[in-house]
């Protein structure tokens, strides 16, 4: 494994020439709206309601929306998609039972929706689609079904996937822990967004590191190879893992969840615990990578 931190650029700029500016109040509003208990079975009503909210917003942004598979993944594709490869942005929309799940994972949903709004404004249209997975908390069921069946069902060539898994919690004191005993001491402060790649997805990490967008965002990437799920199983607990197993390049974006956030999987995982400036920076960096 190789850990790399993005050096601070001299000034903010866009690698693509098109700087997309995220709306912090919109991010906050989305988290407040979506942070309701939404476990797929225990909180089925909340799960269905959030699914409808996501589908409606993707449609407002101009994407074609469908529900996919036995777990009702929400798939939003651009109208320009033909046979050319596309990039997907993904986040799970369920929670553990009875948990509001602001960081896990309303933060990822809010960033995904903001990216959808911004990407939809780019001309000419970009080949970027979005997927909200269900049943992540029950063993990555939605993303596994999507990889096994959904990729063929939607009939497009997916060249890369960016998975958003808890991207809203930032701290300033030395409270960060990591599942890596060899991690440098500089990572003790939980003020960075983590990127995790493997093999063919390492190029996606390089693209993010090379971006000059969101210069105030501290960015730490981990490149991995081989059977990382056996060596560091904590690195494969989200929806990027089924894509890795299928050989589809996928990059995990995360605030590191339980290694940082004391509210992880608790009733206290509420909107007021999150850092919305942090989420705005994550949104702008991801958008720059997408439209480059």
C-alpha atoms as a PDB file:
ATOM      1  CA  UNK A   1       0.000   0.000   0.000  1.00  0.00           C
ATOM      2  CA  UNK A   2       1.131   3.503  -0.839  1.00  0.00           C
ATOM      3  CA  UNK A   3      -0.206   6.653   0.872  1.00  0.00           C
ATOM      4  CA  UNK A   4       0.031   9.999  -0.855  1.00  0.00           C
ATOM      5  CA  UNK A   5      -1.137  13.479   0.152  1.00  0.00           C
ATOM      6  CA  UNK A   6      -2.037  16.182  -2.350  1.00  0.00           C
ATOM      7  CA  UNK A   7       0.393  19.125  -2.173  1.00  0.00           C
ATOM      8  CA  UNK A   8      -1.341  22.483  -1.707  1.00  0.00           C
ATOM      9  CA  UNK A   9      -1.679  24.408  -5.005  1.00  0.00           C
ATOM     10  CA  UNK A  10      -0.691  28.048  -5.208  1.00  0.00           C
ATOM     11  CA  UNK A  11      -4.242  29.138  -6.048  1.00  0.00           C
ATOM     12  CA  UNK A  12      -7.642  27.728  -6.897  1.00  0.00           C
ATOM     13  CA  UNK A  13      -8.219  26.755 -10.496  1.00  0.00           C
ATOM     14  CA  UNK A  14     -10.051  24.183 -12.563  1.00  0.00           C
ATOM     15  CA  UNK A  15      -8.184  21.489 -14.413  1.00  0.00           C
ATOM     16  CA  UNK A  16     -10.918  21.502 -17.072  1.00  0.00           C
ATOM     17  CA  UNK A  17     -11.189  25.264 -17.549  1.00  0.00           C
ATOM     18  CA  UNK A  18     -14.763  25.117 -16.218  1.00  0.00           C
ATOM     19  CA  UNK A  19     -14.953  25.902 -12.508  1.00  0.00           C
ATOM     20  CA  UNK A  20     -18.108  24.533 -10.930  1.00  0.00           C
ATOM     21  CA  UNK A  21     -19.016  26.176  -7.618  1.00  0.00           C
ATOM     22  CA  UNK A  22     -21.008  24.104  -5.147  1.00  0.00           C
ATOM     23  CA  UNK A  23     -23.815  25.612  -3.081  1.00  0.00           C
ATOM     24  CA  UNK A  24     -23.176  25.082   0.628  1.00  0.00           C
ATOM     25  CA  UNK A  25     -26.735  25.936   1.760  1.00  0.00           C
ATOM     26  CA  UNK A  26     -28.112  23.378  -0.718  1.00  0.00           C
ATOM     27  CA  UNK A  27     -25.842  20.710   0.736  1.00  0.00           C
ATOM     28  CA  UNK A  28     -27.035  21.542   4.237  1.00  0.00           C
ATOM     29  CA  UNK A  29     -30.669  21.513   3.130  1.00  0.00           C
ATOM     30  CA  UNK A  30     -30.317  18.124   1.472  1.00  0.00           C
ATOM     31  CA  UNK A  31     -28.716  16.548   4.537  1.00  0.00           C
ATOM     32  CA  UNK A  32     -31.463  17.939   6.769  1.00  0.00           C
ATOM     33  CA  UNK A  33     -34.107  16.603   4.404  1.00  0.00           C
ATOM     34  CA  UNK A  34     -32.626  13.145   3.911  1.00  0.00           C
ATOM     35  CA  UNK A  35     -31.398  12.440   7.465  1.00  0.00           C
ATOM     36  CA  UNK A  36     -34.280  10.193   8.497  1.00  0.00           C
ATOM     37  CA  UNK A  37     -34.094   6.530   9.542  1.00  0.00           C
ATOM     38  CA  UNK A  38     -34.176   4.589   6.268  1.00  0.00           C
ATOM     39  CA  UNK A  39     -33.109   1.001   6.798  1.00  0.00           C
ATOM     40  CA  UNK A  40     -34.433  -1.115   3.943  1.00  0.00           C
ATOM     41  CA  UNK A  41     -36.748  -3.210   6.157  1.00  0.00           C
ATOM     42  CA  UNK A  42     -36.885  -1.764   9.684  1.00  0.00           C
ATOM     43  CA  UNK A  43     -37.526   1.759   8.379  1.00  0.00           C
ATOM     44  CA  UNK A  44     -39.098   0.819   5.059  1.00  0.00           C
ATOM     45  CA  UNK A  45     -41.320   3.906   4.850  1.00  0.00           C
ATOM     46  CA  UNK A  46     -38.342   6.247   5.229  1.00  0.00           C
ATOM     47  CA  UNK A  47     -36.346   4.161   2.767  1.00  0.00           C
ATOM     48  CA  UNK A  48     -39.058   4.443   0.107  1.00  0.00           C
ATOM     49  CA  UNK A  49     -39.538   8.169   0.755  1.00  0.00           C
ATOM     50  CA  UNK A  50     -35.834   8.968   0.355  1.00  0.00           C
ATOM     51  CA  UNK A  51     -35.722   6.867  -2.796  1.00  0.00           C
ATOM     52  CA  UNK A  52     -38.505   9.004  -4.242  1.00  0.00           C
ATOM     53  CA  UNK A  53     -36.745  12.230  -3.281  1.00  0.00           C
ATOM     54  CA  UNK A  54     -33.578  11.123  -5.048  1.00  0.00           C
ATOM     55  CA  UNK A  55     -35.401  10.045  -8.194  1.00  0.00           C
ATOM     56  CA  UNK A  56     -37.328  13.323  -8.359  1.00  0.00           C
ATOM     57  CA  UNK A  57     -34.186  15.438  -8.001  1.00  0.00           C
ATOM     58  CA  UNK A  58     -32.314  13.502 -10.674  1.00  0.00           C
ATOM     59  CA  UNK A  59     -35.277  14.012 -12.995  1.00  0.00           C
ATOM     60  CA  UNK A  60     -35.293  17.752 -12.229  1.00  0.00           C
ATOM     61  CA  UNK A  61     -31.639  17.808 -13.277  1.00  0.00           C
ATOM     62  CA  UNK A  62     -32.574  16.274 -16.628  1.00  0.00           C
ATOM     63  CA  UNK A  63     -31.440  12.685 -16.121  1.00  0.00           C
ATOM     64  CA  UNK A  64     -33.366   9.615 -17.162  1.00  0.00           C
ATOM     65  CA  UNK A  65     -34.231   7.691 -13.986  1.00  0.00           C
ATOM     66  CA  UNK A  66     -35.069   4.047 -13.380  1.00  0.00           C
ATOM     67  CA  UNK A  67     -35.192   1.691 -10.419  1.00  0.00           C
ATOM     68  CA  UNK A  68     -32.885  -1.273 -10.841  1.00  0.00           C
ATOM     69  CA  UNK A  69     -32.894  -4.707  -9.309  1.00  0.00           C
ATOM     70  CA  UNK A  70     -34.477  -6.374  -6.323  1.00  0.00           C
ATOM     71  CA  UNK A  71     -33.179  -3.666  -3.951  1.00  0.00           C
ATOM     72  CA  UNK A  72     -34.451  -0.667  -5.938  1.00  0.00           C
ATOM     73  CA  UNK A  73     -31.192   1.052  -6.745  1.00  0.00           C
ATOM     74  CA  UNK A  74     -31.887   4.501  -8.226  1.00  0.00           C
ATOM     75  CA  UNK A  75     -30.069   4.841 -11.564  1.00  0.00           C
ATOM     76  CA  UNK A  76     -29.855   8.244 -13.289  1.00  0.00           C
ATOM     77  CA  UNK A  77     -28.281   8.425 -16.741  1.00  0.00           C
ATOM     78  CA  UNK A  78     -27.660  11.403 -19.033  1.00  0.00           C
ATOM     79  CA  UNK A  79     -29.648  11.670 -22.239  1.00  0.00           C
ATOM     80  CA  UNK A  80     -26.439  11.760 -24.285  1.00  0.00           C
ATOM     81  CA  UNK A  81     -25.481   8.193 -23.354  1.00  0.00           C
ATOM     82  CA  UNK A  82     -25.149   5.896 -26.340  1.00  0.00           C
ATOM     83  CA  UNK A  83     -22.395   3.320 -26.585  1.00  0.00           C
ATOM     84  CA  UNK A  84     -19.593   5.563 -25.399  1.00  0.00           C
ATOM     85  CA  UNK A  85     -18.199   4.840 -21.915  1.00  0.00           C
ATOM     86  CA  UNK A  86     -19.586   6.786 -18.966  1.00  0.00           C
ATOM     87  CA  UNK A  87     -18.433   7.537 -15.432  1.00  0.00           C
ATOM     88  CA  UNK A  88     -20.739   6.872 -12.482  1.00  0.00           C
ATOM     89  CA  UNK A  89     -20.987   8.616  -9.122  1.00  0.00           C
ATOM     90  CA  UNK A  90     -22.564   6.455  -6.424  1.00  0.00           C
ATOM     91  CA  UNK A  91     -23.688   6.637  -2.797  1.00  0.00           C
ATOM     92  CA  UNK A  92     -25.885   4.379  -0.681  1.00  0.00           C
ATOM     93  CA  UNK A  93     -29.185   5.728   0.600  1.00  0.00           C
ATOM     94  CA  UNK A  94     -30.063   3.288   3.383  1.00  0.00           C
ATOM     95  CA  UNK A  95     -29.042   3.436   7.052  1.00  0.00           C
ATOM     96  CA  UNK A  96     -28.625   1.011   9.904  1.00  0.00           C
ATOM     97  CA  UNK A  97     -31.935   0.516  11.767  1.00  0.00           C
ATOM     98  CA  UNK A  98     -33.469   3.619  13.368  1.00  0.00           C
ATOM     99  CA  UNK A  99     -30.428   5.815  12.706  1.00  0.00           C
ATOM    100  CA  UNK A 100     -30.851   9.235  11.013  1.00  0.00           C
ATOM    101  CA  UNK A 101     -27.582   8.701   9.152  1.00  0.00           C
ATOM    102  CA  UNK A 102     -26.536  12.291   8.461  1.00  0.00           C
ATOM    103  CA  UNK A 103     -22.910  11.446   7.764  1.00  0.00           C
ATOM    104  CA  UNK A 104     -23.714   7.827   6.908  1.00  0.00           C
ATOM    105  CA  UNK A 105     -24.765   8.510   4.260  1.00  0.00           C
ATOM    106  CA  UNK A 106     -26.909  11.604   3.729  1.00  0.00           C
ATOM    107  CA  UNK A 107     -23.618  13.469   3.305  1.00  0.00           C
ATOM    108  CA  UNK A 108     -22.711  11.279   0.336  1.00  0.00           C
ATOM    109  CA  UNK A 109     -26.202  11.656  -1.125  1.00  0.00           C
ATOM    110  CA  UNK A 110     -26.088  15.447  -0.787  1.00  0.00           C
ATOM    111  CA  UNK A 111     -22.715  15.683  -2.527  1.00  0.00           C
ATOM    112  CA  UNK A 112     -23.940  13.340  -5.257  1.00  0.00           C
ATOM    113  CA  UNK A 113     -27.064  15.447  -5.859  1.00  0.00           C
ATOM    114  CA  UNK A 114     -25.036  18.655  -5.928  1.00  0.00           C
ATOM    115  CA  UNK A 115     -22.646  17.109  -8.438  1.00  0.00           C
ATOM    116  CA  UNK A 116     -25.626  16.037 -10.551  1.00  0.00           C
ATOM    117  CA  UNK A 117     -26.940  19.604 -10.553  1.00  0.00           C
ATOM    118  CA  UNK A 118     -23.567  21.071 -11.476  1.00  0.00           C
ATOM    119  CA  UNK A 119     -22.631  18.472 -14.076  1.00  0.00           C
ATOM    120  CA  UNK A 120     -26.031  18.905 -15.741  1.00  0.00           C
ATOM    121  CA  UNK A 121     -25.189  22.581 -16.318  1.00  0.00           C
ATOM    122  CA  UNK A 122     -22.058  21.822 -18.350  1.00  0.00           C
ATOM    123  CA  UNK A 123     -22.147  22.218 -22.120  1.00  0.00           C
ATOM    124  CA  UNK A 124     -21.566  20.105 -24.078  1.00  0.00           C
ATOM    125  CA  UNK A 125     -23.155  17.402 -21.892  1.00  0.00           C
ATOM    126  CA  UNK A 126     -20.775  15.172 -19.982  1.00  0.00           C
ATOM    127  CA  UNK A 127     -21.015  11.408 -19.888  1.00  0.00           C
ATOM    128  CA  UNK A 128     -21.628  11.135 -16.154  1.00  0.00           C
ATOM    129  CA  UNK A 129     -24.379   9.109 -14.501  1.00  0.00           C
ATOM    130  CA  UNK A 130     -25.427   8.528 -10.896  1.00  0.00           C
ATOM    131  CA  UNK A 131     -26.516   5.545  -8.804  1.00  0.00           C
ATOM    132  CA  UNK A 132     -27.989   5.495  -5.295  1.00  0.00           C
ATOM    133  CA  UNK A 133     -27.538   2.025  -3.849  1.00  0.00           C
ATOM    134  CA  UNK A 134     -29.868   0.428  -1.333  1.00  0.00           C
ATOM    135  CA  UNK A 135     -29.069  -2.164   1.350  1.00  0.00           C
ATOM    136  CA  UNK A 136     -25.401  -1.243   1.727  1.00  0.00           C
ATOM    137  CA  UNK A 137     -25.720  -1.689   5.471  1.00  0.00           C
ATOM    138  CA  UNK A 138     -26.925  -5.272   4.965  1.00  0.00           C
ATOM    139  CA  UNK A 139     -23.824  -6.470   3.151  1.00  0.00           C
ATOM    140  CA  UNK A 140     -23.486  -4.260   0.058  1.00  0.00           C
ATOM    141  CA  UNK A 141     -26.550  -5.989  -1.376  1.00  0.00           C
ATOM    142  CA  UNK A 142     -27.616  -3.216  -3.724  1.00  0.00           C
ATOM    143  CA  UNK A 143     -24.211  -2.622  -5.261  1.00  0.00           C
ATOM    144  CA  UNK A 144     -23.545  -6.348  -5.579  1.00  0.00           C
ATOM    145  CA  UNK A 145     -26.815  -6.754  -7.470  1.00  0.00           C
ATOM    146  CA  UNK A 146     -25.993  -3.761  -9.656  1.00  0.00           C
ATOM    147  CA  UNK A 147     -22.580  -5.146 -10.593  1.00  0.00           C
ATOM    148  CA  UNK A 148     -23.899  -8.667 -11.192  1.00  0.00           C
ATOM    149  CA  UNK A 149     -27.037  -7.695 -13.122  1.00  0.00           C
ATOM    150  CA  UNK A 150     -27.540  -3.937 -13.395  1.00  0.00           C
ATOM    151  CA  UNK A 151     -24.532  -3.140 -15.558  1.00  0.00           C
ATOM    152  CA  UNK A 152     -25.923  -5.399 -18.261  1.00  0.00           C
ATOM    153  CA  UNK A 153     -29.468  -4.144 -17.711  1.00  0.00           C
ATOM    154  CA  UNK A 154     -28.641  -0.461 -18.246  1.00  0.00           C
ATOM    155  CA  UNK A 155     -26.661  -1.348 -21.351  1.00  0.00           C
ATOM    156  CA  UNK A 156     -23.823   1.155 -21.020  1.00  0.00           C
ATOM    157  CA  UNK A 157     -20.074   0.762 -20.746  1.00  0.00           C
ATOM    158  CA  UNK A 158     -19.009   2.013 -17.310  1.00  0.00           C
ATOM    159  CA  UNK A 159     -15.382   3.085 -17.383  1.00  0.00           C
ATOM    160  CA  UNK A 160     -15.091   4.343 -13.787  1.00  0.00           C
ATOM    161  CA  UNK A 161     -17.071   4.715 -10.560  1.00  0.00           C
ATOM    162  CA  UNK A 162     -16.645   7.270  -7.766  1.00  0.00           C
ATOM    163  CA  UNK A 163     -18.252   6.013  -4.531  1.00  0.00           C
ATOM    164  CA  UNK A 164     -19.165   8.534  -1.815  1.00  0.00           C
ATOM    165  CA  UNK A 165     -19.220   6.974   1.659  1.00  0.00           C
ATOM    166  CA  UNK A 166     -19.514   9.443   4.556  1.00  0.00           C
ATOM    167  CA  UNK A 167     -17.967  12.714   3.399  1.00  0.00           C
ATOM    168  CA  UNK A 168     -19.250  15.260   5.919  1.00  0.00           C
ATOM    169  CA  UNK A 169     -17.340  14.983   9.206  1.00  0.00           C
ATOM    170  CA  UNK A 170     -14.172  16.995   9.787  1.00  0.00           C
ATOM    171  CA  UNK A 171     -12.324  17.610  13.044  1.00  0.00           C
ATOM    172  CA  UNK A 172      -9.387  19.755  14.152  1.00  0.00           C
ATOM    173  CA  UNK A 173      -7.911  17.843  17.102  1.00  0.00           C
ATOM    174  CA  UNK A 174      -5.678  14.773  16.931  1.00  0.00           C
ATOM    175  CA  UNK A 175      -8.438  12.171  17.236  1.00  0.00           C
ATOM    176  CA  UNK A 176      -8.134  10.323  13.910  1.00  0.00           C
ATOM    177  CA  UNK A 177      -7.464   6.608  13.980  1.00  0.00           C
ATOM    178  CA  UNK A 178      -6.774   4.418  10.956  1.00  0.00           C
ATOM    179  CA  UNK A 179      -6.772   0.675  10.239  1.00  0.00           C
ATOM    180  CA  UNK A 180      -3.156   1.041   9.126  1.00  0.00           C
ATOM    181  CA  UNK A 181      -0.510   0.630  11.840  1.00  0.00           C
ATOM    182  CA  UNK A 182       2.101   2.151   9.518  1.00  0.00           C
ATOM    183  CA  UNK A 183       0.108   5.331   8.746  1.00  0.00           C
ATOM    184  CA  UNK A 184       2.129   8.541   9.246  1.00  0.00           C
ATOM    185  CA  UNK A 185       1.566  10.647  12.353  1.00  0.00           C
ATOM    186  CA  UNK A 186       0.495  13.568  10.147  1.00  0.00           C
ATOM    187  CA  UNK A 187      -2.821  11.784   9.616  1.00  0.00           C
ATOM    188  CA  UNK A 188      -3.808  12.027  13.275  1.00  0.00           C
ATOM    189  CA  UNK A 189      -5.810  15.206  12.605  1.00  0.00           C
ATOM    190  CA  UNK A 190      -9.175  14.278  10.994  1.00  0.00           C
ATOM    191  CA  UNK A 191      -9.306  17.183   8.564  1.00  0.00           C
ATOM    192  CA  UNK A 192      -8.819  15.334   5.260  1.00  0.00           C
ATOM    193  CA  UNK A 193     -10.929  13.434   2.774  1.00  0.00           C
ATOM    194  CA  UNK A 194      -9.608   9.958   2.114  1.00  0.00           C
ATOM    195  CA  UNK A 195      -9.453   8.284  -1.282  1.00  0.00           C
ATOM    196  CA  UNK A 196      -8.950   4.529  -1.604  1.00  0.00           C
ATOM    197  CA  UNK A 197      -8.015   2.881  -4.900  1.00  0.00           C
ATOM    198  CA  UNK A 198      -6.854  -0.500  -6.092  1.00  0.00           C
ATOM    199  CA  UNK A 199      -5.066  -1.631  -9.232  1.00  0.00           C
ATOM    200  CA  UNK A 200      -6.864  -0.234 -12.256  1.00  0.00           C
ATOM    201  CA  UNK A 201      -8.570   2.455 -10.193  1.00  0.00           C
ATOM    202  CA  UNK A 202      -5.273   3.970  -9.067  1.00  0.00           C
ATOM    203  CA  UNK A 203      -5.409   6.284 -12.103  1.00  0.00           C
ATOM    204  CA  UNK A 204      -8.639   7.768 -10.705  1.00  0.00           C
ATOM    205  CA  UNK A 205      -6.795   8.635  -7.521  1.00  0.00           C
ATOM    206  CA  UNK A 206      -4.022  10.266  -9.550  1.00  0.00           C
ATOM    207  CA  UNK A 207      -6.622  12.427 -11.321  1.00  0.00           C
ATOM    208  CA  UNK A 208      -8.010  13.664  -8.010  1.00  0.00           C
ATOM    209  CA  UNK A 209      -4.555  14.329  -6.572  1.00  0.00           C
ATOM    210  CA  UNK A 210      -3.644  16.299  -9.712  1.00  0.00           C
ATOM    211  CA  UNK A 211      -6.722  18.524  -9.522  1.00  0.00           C
ATOM    212  CA  UNK A 212      -6.243  22.137  -8.463  1.00  0.00           C
ATOM    213  CA  UNK A 213      -9.882  22.557  -7.468  1.00  0.00           C
ATOM    214  CA  UNK A 214     -10.841  23.142  -3.809  1.00  0.00           C
ATOM    215  CA  UNK A 215      -7.283  24.049  -2.747  1.00  0.00           C
ATOM    216  CA  UNK A 216      -8.276  24.256   0.917  1.00  0.00           C
ATOM    217  CA  UNK A 217      -9.303  20.608   0.978  1.00  0.00           C
ATOM    218  CA  UNK A 218      -6.712  18.281   2.433  1.00  0.00           C
ATOM    219  CA  UNK A 219      -6.651  15.136   0.322  1.00  0.00           C
ATOM    220  CA  UNK A 220      -5.023  11.832   1.277  1.00  0.00           C
ATOM    221  CA  UNK A 221      -4.996   8.875  -1.085  1.00  0.00           C
ATOM    222  CA  UNK A 222      -4.204   5.208  -0.521  1.00  0.00           C
ATOM    223  CA  UNK A 223      -3.182   3.037  -3.468  1.00  0.00           C
ATOM    224  CA  UNK A 224      -3.542  -0.693  -2.915  1.00  0.00           C
ATOM    225  CA  UNK A 225      -2.789  -3.873  -4.815  1.00  0.00           C
ATOM    226  CA  UNK A 226      -3.494  -7.578  -4.431  1.00  0.00           C
ATOM    227  CA  UNK A 227      -5.835  -9.142  -1.841  1.00  0.00           C
ATOM    228  CA  UNK A 228      -6.307  -5.967   0.204  1.00  0.00           C
ATOM    229  CA  UNK A 229      -9.626  -7.319   1.531  1.00  0.00           C
ATOM    230  CA  UNK A 230      -7.647  -9.948   3.431  1.00  0.00           C
ATOM    231  CA  UNK A 231      -4.875  -7.650   4.636  1.00  0.00           C
ATOM    232  CA  UNK A 232      -6.941  -4.562   5.571  1.00  0.00           C
ATOM    233  CA  UNK A 233     -10.629  -5.581   5.476  1.00  0.00           C
ATOM    234  CA  UNK A 234     -11.732  -2.143   6.663  1.00  0.00           C
ATOM    235  CA  UNK A 235     -10.830  -0.776   3.229  1.00  0.00           C
ATOM    236  CA  UNK A 236     -13.511  -2.835   1.456  1.00  0.00           C
ATOM    237  CA  UNK A 237     -16.596  -2.142   3.567  1.00  0.00           C
ATOM    238  CA  UNK A 238     -18.403   0.053   1.044  1.00  0.00           C
ATOM    239  CA  UNK A 239     -19.941  -0.115  -2.416  1.00  0.00           C
ATOM    240  CA  UNK A 240     -16.674   0.254  -4.314  1.00  0.00           C
ATOM    241  CA  UNK A 241     -15.725  -3.320  -3.413  1.00  0.00           C
ATOM    242  CA  UNK A 242     -18.102  -5.194  -5.776  1.00  0.00           C
ATOM    243  CA  UNK A 243     -16.715  -3.093  -8.629  1.00  0.00           C
ATOM    244  CA  UNK A 244     -13.158  -3.993  -7.654  1.00  0.00           C
ATOM    245  CA  UNK A 245     -14.093  -7.680  -7.665  1.00  0.00           C
ATOM    246  CA  UNK A 246     -15.577  -7.277 -11.154  1.00  0.00           C
ATOM    247  CA  UNK A 247     -12.522  -5.429 -12.472  1.00  0.00           C
ATOM    248  CA  UNK A 248     -14.333  -2.089 -12.873  1.00  0.00           C
ATOM    249  CA  UNK A 249     -12.180   0.877 -11.742  1.00  0.00           C
ATOM    250  CA  UNK A 250     -13.754   2.392  -8.617  1.00  0.00           C
ATOM    251  CA  UNK A 251     -12.512   5.054  -6.205  1.00  0.00           C
ATOM    252  CA  UNK A 252     -13.805   5.396  -2.639  1.00  0.00           C
ATOM    253  CA  UNK A 253     -14.238   8.930  -1.237  1.00  0.00           C
ATOM    254  CA  UNK A 254     -14.627   8.930   2.556  1.00  0.00           C
ATOM    255  CA  UNK A 255     -14.084  10.885   5.754  1.00  0.00           C
ATOM    256  CA  UNK A 256     -13.091   7.452   7.188  1.00  0.00           C
ATOM    257  CA  UNK A 257     -16.347   6.974   9.121  1.00  0.00           C
ATOM    258  CA  UNK A 258     -15.939   5.206  12.455  1.00  0.00           C
ATOM    259  CA  UNK A 259     -12.205   5.970  12.490  1.00  0.00           C
ATOM    260  CA  UNK A 260     -13.127   9.635  12.990  1.00  0.00           C
ATOM    261  CA  UNK A 261     -16.793  10.235  13.650  1.00  0.00           C
ATOM    262  CA  UNK A 262     -17.965   9.429  17.220  1.00  0.00           C
ATOM    263  CA  UNK A 263     -21.587   9.432  15.991  1.00  0.00           C
ATOM    264  CA  UNK A 264     -21.095   6.560  13.545  1.00  0.00           C
ATOM    265  CA  UNK A 265     -24.164   4.254  13.508  1.00  0.00           C
ATOM    266  CA  UNK A 266     -25.676   6.120  16.451  1.00  0.00           C
ATOM    267  CA  UNK A 267     -28.818   8.170  16.982  1.00  0.00           C
ATOM    268  CA  UNK A 268     -26.538  11.201  17.291  1.00  0.00           C
ATOM    269  CA  UNK A 269     -25.488  11.037  13.608  1.00  0.00           C
ATOM    270  CA  UNK A 270     -27.457  14.220  12.930  1.00  0.00           C
ATOM    271  CA  UNK A 271     -27.087  17.150  10.484  1.00  0.00           C
ATOM    272  CA  UNK A 272     -25.666  19.618  13.017  1.00  0.00           C
ATOM    273  CA  UNK A 273     -22.569  17.434  13.534  1.00  0.00           C
ATOM    274  CA  UNK A 274     -21.350  17.892   9.941  1.00  0.00           C
ATOM    275  CA  UNK A 275     -19.045  20.417   8.260  1.00  0.00           C
ATOM    276  CA  UNK A 276     -20.768  21.807   5.178  1.00  0.00           C
ATOM    277  CA  UNK A 277     -17.778  23.809   3.979  1.00  0.00           C
ATOM    278  CA  UNK A 278     -15.939  20.486   3.895  1.00  0.00           C
ATOM    279  CA  UNK A 279     -18.728  18.956   1.824  1.00  0.00           C
ATOM    280  CA  UNK A 280     -18.689  21.919  -0.551  1.00  0.00           C
ATOM    281  CA  UNK A 281     -14.975  21.386  -1.146  1.00  0.00           C
ATOM    282  CA  UNK A 282     -15.491  17.672  -1.757  1.00  0.00           C
ATOM    283  CA  UNK A 283     -18.252  18.488  -4.255  1.00  0.00           C
ATOM    284  CA  UNK A 284     -16.087  20.946  -6.175  1.00  0.00           C
ATOM    285  CA  UNK A 285     -13.125  18.604  -6.319  1.00  0.00           C
ATOM    286  CA  UNK A 286     -15.248  15.699  -7.527  1.00  0.00           C
ATOM    287  CA  UNK A 287     -16.952  17.863 -10.157  1.00  0.00           C
ATOM    288  CA  UNK A 288     -13.575  19.002 -11.454  1.00  0.00           C
ATOM    289  CA  UNK A 289     -12.495  15.379 -11.818  1.00  0.00           C
ATOM    290  CA  UNK A 290     -15.751  14.502 -13.592  1.00  0.00           C
ATOM    291  CA  UNK A 291     -15.733  17.259 -16.219  1.00  0.00           C
ATOM    292  CA  UNK A 292     -12.006  17.225 -16.927  1.00  0.00           C
END
